[in-house]
Amino acid sequence: MVIKMTNPFKIPESVLVVIHTADLQVLVMERAGNPGFWQSVTGSKDSLNEDVAGTAAREVMEETGLDVRQFRLSDWELRNIYEIYPIWRHRYAPGVIHNTEHVFGLTLPHITDITLAEREHVRYRWLPFLEAAECCFSASNAEAILQLPRRIHHAK
């Protein structure tokens, strides 16, 4: 008999996926339980064996219903290390106070309807990139969105 041990704590490594169109329209979603908390797709690794590209693909599917294999997912090779808000530290192992966030972009050919994960988000909007950045609660999310013009230009 094999007993699988699960880690009761979140892994302090996550992804941020900015979903956008080539003409700089950006998808933002409002968190359930946090009115006014708008963000891109985010989420933590499920296991130490999951690579961050796999985490990004899984989180996009869970939060939007989109399959990244149908689009262009790019690792921006950008890492943000930030302090975990004290209110959420109980989710992590004792003494863990920092998270490493890996930033990705997902380019869609046009604005697309998505299917929200009801337990995570209550509504979504497609906004021009400057407006999307302005409405984000997270500074690292806003900064990633502001990099879009440069990222798209370099990708061509």
C-alpha atoms as a PDB file:
ATOM      1  CA  MET A   1       0.000   0.000   0.000  1.00  0.00           C
ATOM      2  CA  VAL A   2       1.357   3.409  -1.018  1.00  0.00           C
ATOM      3  CA  ILE A   3       0.370   6.349   1.136  1.00  0.00           C
ATOM      4  CA  LYS A   4       0.616   9.707  -0.573  1.00  0.00           C
ATOM      5  CA  MET A   5       1.682  12.462   1.780  1.00  0.00           C
ATOM      6  CA  THR A   6       0.313  15.848   0.878  1.00  0.00           C
ATOM      7  CA  ASN A   7       1.882  19.083   1.971  1.00  0.00           C
ATOM      8  CA  PRO A   8      -0.667  21.086   3.958  1.00  0.00           C
ATOM      9  CA  PHE A   9       1.103  24.335   3.065  1.00  0.00           C
ATOM     10  CA  LYS A  10       1.088  26.412  -0.107  1.00  0.00           C
ATOM     11  CA  ILE A  11       4.301  26.441  -2.089  1.00  0.00           C
ATOM     12  CA  PRO A  12       5.746  29.986  -2.134  1.00  0.00           C
ATOM     13  CA  GLU A  13       6.188  29.967  -5.900  1.00  0.00           C
ATOM     14  CA  SER A  14       3.478  31.254  -8.196  1.00  0.00           C
ATOM     15  CA  VAL A  15       2.671  32.494 -11.683  1.00  0.00           C
ATOM     16  CA  LEU A  16       1.142  35.650 -13.082  1.00  0.00           C
ATOM     17  CA  VAL A  17      -0.268  35.275 -16.601  1.00  0.00           C
ATOM     18  CA  VAL A  18      -1.174  38.452 -18.480  1.00  0.00           C
ATOM     19  CA  ILE A  19      -3.757  37.466 -21.101  1.00  0.00           C
ATOM     20  CA  HIS A  20      -3.888  39.993 -23.927  1.00  0.00           C
ATOM     21  CA  THR A  21      -4.489  40.596 -27.598  1.00  0.00           C
ATOM     22  CA  ALA A  22      -1.919  41.934 -30.062  1.00  0.00           C
ATOM     23  CA  ASP A  23      -3.689  45.309 -29.989  1.00  0.00           C
ATOM     24  CA  LEU A  24      -3.087  45.563 -26.211  1.00  0.00           C
ATOM     25  CA  GLN A  25      -6.503  44.632 -24.849  1.00  0.00           C
ATOM     26  CA  VAL A  26      -5.988  42.925 -21.473  1.00  0.00           C
ATOM     27  CA  LEU A  27      -8.199  40.515 -19.551  1.00  0.00           C
ATOM     28  CA  VAL A  28      -8.724  41.377 -15.868  1.00  0.00           C
ATOM     29  CA  MET A  29     -10.937  39.514 -13.420  1.00  0.00           C
ATOM     30  CA  GLU A  30     -12.491  40.588 -10.121  1.00  0.00           C
ATOM     31  CA  ARG A  31     -11.768  38.297  -7.179  1.00  0.00           C
ATOM     32  CA  ALA A  32     -14.693  36.637  -5.434  1.00  0.00           C
ATOM     33  CA  GLY A  33     -14.857  37.882  -1.855  1.00  0.00           C
ATOM     34  CA  ASN A  34     -12.688  40.931  -2.631  1.00  0.00           C
ATOM     35  CA  PRO A  35     -14.792  43.575  -4.408  1.00  0.00           C
ATOM     36  CA  GLY A  36     -12.586  45.897  -6.432  1.00  0.00           C
ATOM     37  CA  PHE A  37      -9.628  43.461  -6.427  1.00  0.00           C
ATOM     38  CA  TRP A  38      -8.927  43.117 -10.169  1.00  0.00           C
ATOM     39  CA  GLN A  39      -6.136  40.936 -11.474  1.00  0.00           C
ATOM     40  CA  SER A  40      -4.729  38.761 -14.224  1.00  0.00           C
ATOM     41  CA  VAL A  41      -4.548  34.984 -13.859  1.00  0.00           C
ATOM     42  CA  THR A  42      -2.491  34.030 -10.806  1.00  0.00           C
ATOM     43  CA  GLY A  43      -1.840  30.880  -8.865  1.00  0.00           C
ATOM     44  CA  SER A  44       0.649  28.796  -6.950  1.00  0.00           C
ATOM     45  CA  LYS A  45       2.405  25.609  -7.902  1.00  0.00           C
ATOM     46  CA  ASP A  46       0.423  22.537  -6.824  1.00  0.00           C
ATOM     47  CA  SER A  47       3.526  20.457  -6.178  1.00  0.00           C
ATOM     48  CA  LEU A  48       7.281  20.808  -6.090  1.00  0.00           C
ATOM     49  CA  ASN A  49       7.410  18.689  -9.277  1.00  0.00           C
ATOM     50  CA  GLU A  50       5.164  21.021 -11.286  1.00  0.00           C
ATOM     51  CA  ASP A  51       7.171  23.359 -13.526  1.00  0.00           C
ATOM     52  CA  VAL A  52       6.055  26.970 -13.753  1.00  0.00           C
ATOM     53  CA  ALA A  53       4.915  26.682 -17.391  1.00  0.00           C
ATOM     54  CA  GLY A  54       2.686  23.805 -16.282  1.00  0.00           C
ATOM     55  CA  THR A  55       1.396  25.933 -13.418  1.00  0.00           C
ATOM     56  CA  ALA A  56       0.633  28.762 -15.856  1.00  0.00           C
ATOM     57  CA  ALA A  57      -1.255  26.436 -18.227  1.00  0.00           C
ATOM     58  CA  ARG A  58      -3.238  24.863 -15.384  1.00  0.00           C
ATOM     59  CA  GLU A  59      -4.164  28.194 -13.803  1.00  0.00           C
ATOM     60  CA  VAL A  60      -5.280  29.683 -17.145  1.00  0.00           C
ATOM     61  CA  MET A  61      -7.515  26.651 -17.738  1.00  0.00           C
ATOM     62  CA  GLU A  62      -8.938  26.710 -14.191  1.00  0.00           C
ATOM     63  CA  GLU A  63      -9.616  30.458 -14.101  1.00  0.00           C
ATOM     64  CA  THR A  64     -10.697  31.137 -17.695  1.00  0.00           C
ATOM     65  CA  GLY A  65     -11.394  27.834 -19.466  1.00  0.00           C
ATOM     66  CA  LEU A  66      -8.776  28.714 -22.101  1.00  0.00           C
ATOM     67  CA  ASP A  67      -6.335  26.052 -23.306  1.00  0.00           C
ATOM     68  CA  VAL A  68      -2.906  27.689 -23.681  1.00  0.00           C
ATOM     69  CA  ARG A  69      -1.950  25.163 -26.371  1.00  0.00           C
ATOM     70  CA  GLN A  70      -4.308  27.014 -28.749  1.00  0.00           C
ATOM     71  CA  PHE A  71      -2.469  30.310 -28.268  1.00  0.00           C
ATOM     72  CA  ARG A  72       1.050  31.621 -27.642  1.00  0.00           C
ATOM     73  CA  LEU A  73       2.179  31.329 -24.003  1.00  0.00           C
ATOM     74  CA  SER A  74       5.508  33.034 -23.413  1.00  0.00           C
ATOM     75  CA  ASP A  75       7.699  32.996 -20.338  1.00  0.00           C
ATOM     76  CA  TRP A  76       8.813  36.582 -19.850  1.00  0.00           C
ATOM     77  CA  GLU A  77      11.734  35.332 -17.739  1.00  0.00           C
ATOM     78  CA  LEU A  78      10.723  37.900 -15.154  1.00  0.00           C
ATOM     79  CA  ARG A  79      10.667  36.982 -11.469  1.00  0.00           C
ATOM     80  CA  ASN A  80       9.115  39.094  -8.745  1.00  0.00           C
ATOM     81  CA  ILE A  81       9.925  38.330  -5.137  1.00  0.00           C
ATOM     82  CA  TYR A  82       7.541  39.927  -2.717  1.00  0.00           C
ATOM     83  CA  GLU A  83       6.507  39.710   0.889  1.00  0.00           C
ATOM     84  CA  ILE A  84       3.375  37.651   1.466  1.00  0.00           C
ATOM     85  CA  TYR A  85       0.643  39.712   3.116  1.00  0.00           C
ATOM     86  CA  PRO A  86       0.449  38.805   6.830  1.00  0.00           C
ATOM     87  CA  ILE A  87      -3.250  37.933   6.489  1.00  0.00           C
ATOM     88  CA  TRP A  88      -2.322  35.085   4.076  1.00  0.00           C
ATOM     89  CA  ARG A  89       0.876  33.785   5.720  1.00  0.00           C
ATOM     90  CA  HIS A  90      -0.970  31.051   7.631  1.00  0.00           C
ATOM     91  CA  ARG A  91      -1.314  29.220   4.292  1.00  0.00           C
ATOM     92  CA  TYR A  92       2.467  28.779   4.090  1.00  0.00           C
ATOM     93  CA  ALA A  93       4.944  26.824   6.203  1.00  0.00           C
ATOM     94  CA  PRO A  94       6.040  28.557   9.415  1.00  0.00           C
ATOM     95  CA  GLY A  95       8.674  31.190   8.712  1.00  0.00           C
ATOM     96  CA  VAL A  96       7.828  31.583   5.002  1.00  0.00           C
ATOM     97  CA  ILE A  97       7.239  35.258   4.300  1.00  0.00           C
ATOM     98  CA  HIS A  98       8.294  35.670   0.643  1.00  0.00           C
ATOM     99  CA  ASN A  99       6.865  34.358  -2.624  1.00  0.00           C
ATOM    100  CA  THR A 100       8.525  34.136  -6.041  1.00  0.00           C
ATOM    101  CA  GLU A 101       6.179  35.035  -8.887  1.00  0.00           C
ATOM    102  CA  HIS A 102       7.012  33.975 -12.481  1.00  0.00           C
ATOM    103  CA  VAL A 103       5.480  36.211 -15.160  1.00  0.00           C
ATOM    104  CA  PHE A 104       4.018  34.883 -18.418  1.00  0.00           C
ATOM    105  CA  GLY A 105       2.098  36.416 -21.294  1.00  0.00           C
ATOM    106  CA  LEU A 106      -0.656  34.693 -23.255  1.00  0.00           C
ATOM    107  CA  THR A 107      -1.419  36.263 -26.629  1.00  0.00           C
ATOM    108  CA  LEU A 108      -4.897  35.722 -28.075  1.00  0.00           C
ATOM    109  CA  PRO A 109      -5.837  36.705 -31.649  1.00  0.00           C
ATOM    110  CA  HIS A 110      -8.852  38.711 -30.459  1.00  0.00           C
ATOM    111  CA  ILE A 111     -11.017  39.421 -27.420  1.00  0.00           C
ATOM    112  CA  THR A 112     -12.526  36.110 -26.350  1.00  0.00           C
ATOM    113  CA  ASP A 113     -15.306  35.135 -23.983  1.00  0.00           C
ATOM    114  CA  ILE A 114     -14.052  33.136 -21.030  1.00  0.00           C
ATOM    115  CA  THR A 115     -15.577  30.861 -18.410  1.00  0.00           C
ATOM    116  CA  LEU A 116     -14.857  32.141 -14.908  1.00  0.00           C
ATOM    117  CA  ALA A 117     -14.087  29.864 -11.989  1.00  0.00           C
ATOM    118  CA  GLU A 118     -17.044  30.917  -9.825  1.00  0.00           C
ATOM    119  CA  ARG A 119     -15.231  30.346  -6.547  1.00  0.00           C
ATOM    120  CA  GLU A 120     -12.343  32.590  -7.646  1.00  0.00           C
ATOM    121  CA  HIS A 121     -13.789  35.423  -9.746  1.00  0.00           C
ATOM    122  CA  VAL A 122     -17.161  37.118 -10.119  1.00  0.00           C
ATOM    123  CA  ARG A 123     -16.719  39.048 -13.359  1.00  0.00           C
ATOM    124  CA  TYR A 124     -14.210  39.970 -16.024  1.00  0.00           C
ATOM    125  CA  ARG A 125     -13.433  42.807 -18.397  1.00  0.00           C
ATOM    126  CA  TRP A 126     -11.239  43.360 -21.426  1.00  0.00           C
ATOM    127  CA  LEU A 127      -9.580  46.769 -21.124  1.00  0.00           C
ATOM    128  CA  PRO A 128      -6.941  48.777 -22.974  1.00  0.00           C
ATOM    129  CA  PHE A 129      -3.622  48.004 -21.279  1.00  0.00           C
ATOM    130  CA  LEU A 130      -3.263  51.340 -19.442  1.00  0.00           C
ATOM    131  CA  GLU A 131      -6.755  51.023 -17.924  1.00  0.00           C
ATOM    132  CA  ALA A 132      -6.117  47.375 -17.039  1.00  0.00           C
ATOM    133  CA  ALA A 133      -2.887  48.270 -15.245  1.00  0.00           C
ATOM    134  CA  GLU A 134      -4.594  51.101 -13.386  1.00  0.00           C
ATOM    135  CA  CYS A 135      -7.326  48.859 -11.969  1.00  0.00           C
ATOM    136  CA  CYS A 136      -5.008  46.061 -10.718  1.00  0.00           C
ATOM    137  CA  PHE A 137      -4.637  45.684  -6.975  1.00  0.00           C
ATOM    138  CA  SER A 138      -1.189  44.101  -7.273  1.00  0.00           C
ATOM    139  CA  ALA A 139       1.737  46.374  -8.149  1.00  0.00           C
ATOM    140  CA  SER A 140       3.593  43.518  -9.878  1.00  0.00           C
ATOM    141  CA  ASN A 141       0.492  42.769 -11.979  1.00  0.00           C
ATOM    142  CA  ALA A 142       0.160  46.434 -12.990  1.00  0.00           C
ATOM    143  CA  GLU A 143       3.878  46.613 -13.867  1.00  0.00           C
ATOM    144  CA  ALA A 144       3.655  43.468 -16.013  1.00  0.00           C
ATOM    145  CA  ILE A 145       0.722  44.910 -17.946  1.00  0.00           C
ATOM    146  CA  LEU A 146       2.612  48.173 -18.497  1.00  0.00           C
ATOM    147  CA  GLN A 147       5.425  46.159 -20.133  1.00  0.00           C
ATOM    148  CA  LEU A 148       3.090  44.812 -22.830  1.00  0.00           C
ATOM    149  CA  PRO A 149       3.955  47.291 -25.627  1.00  0.00           C
ATOM    150  CA  ARG A 150       7.656  46.471 -25.285  1.00  0.00           C
ATOM    151  CA  ARG A 151       7.030  42.730 -24.933  1.00  0.00           C
ATOM    152  CA  ILE A 152       4.833  42.611 -28.037  1.00  0.00           C
ATOM    153  CA  HIS A 153       7.296  44.703 -30.053  1.00  0.00           C
ATOM    154  CA  HIS A 154      10.198  42.348 -29.143  1.00  0.00           C
ATOM    155  CA  ALA A 155       8.129  39.247 -29.969  1.00  0.00           C
ATOM    156  CA  LYS A 156       7.599  40.322 -33.598  1.00  0.00           C
END
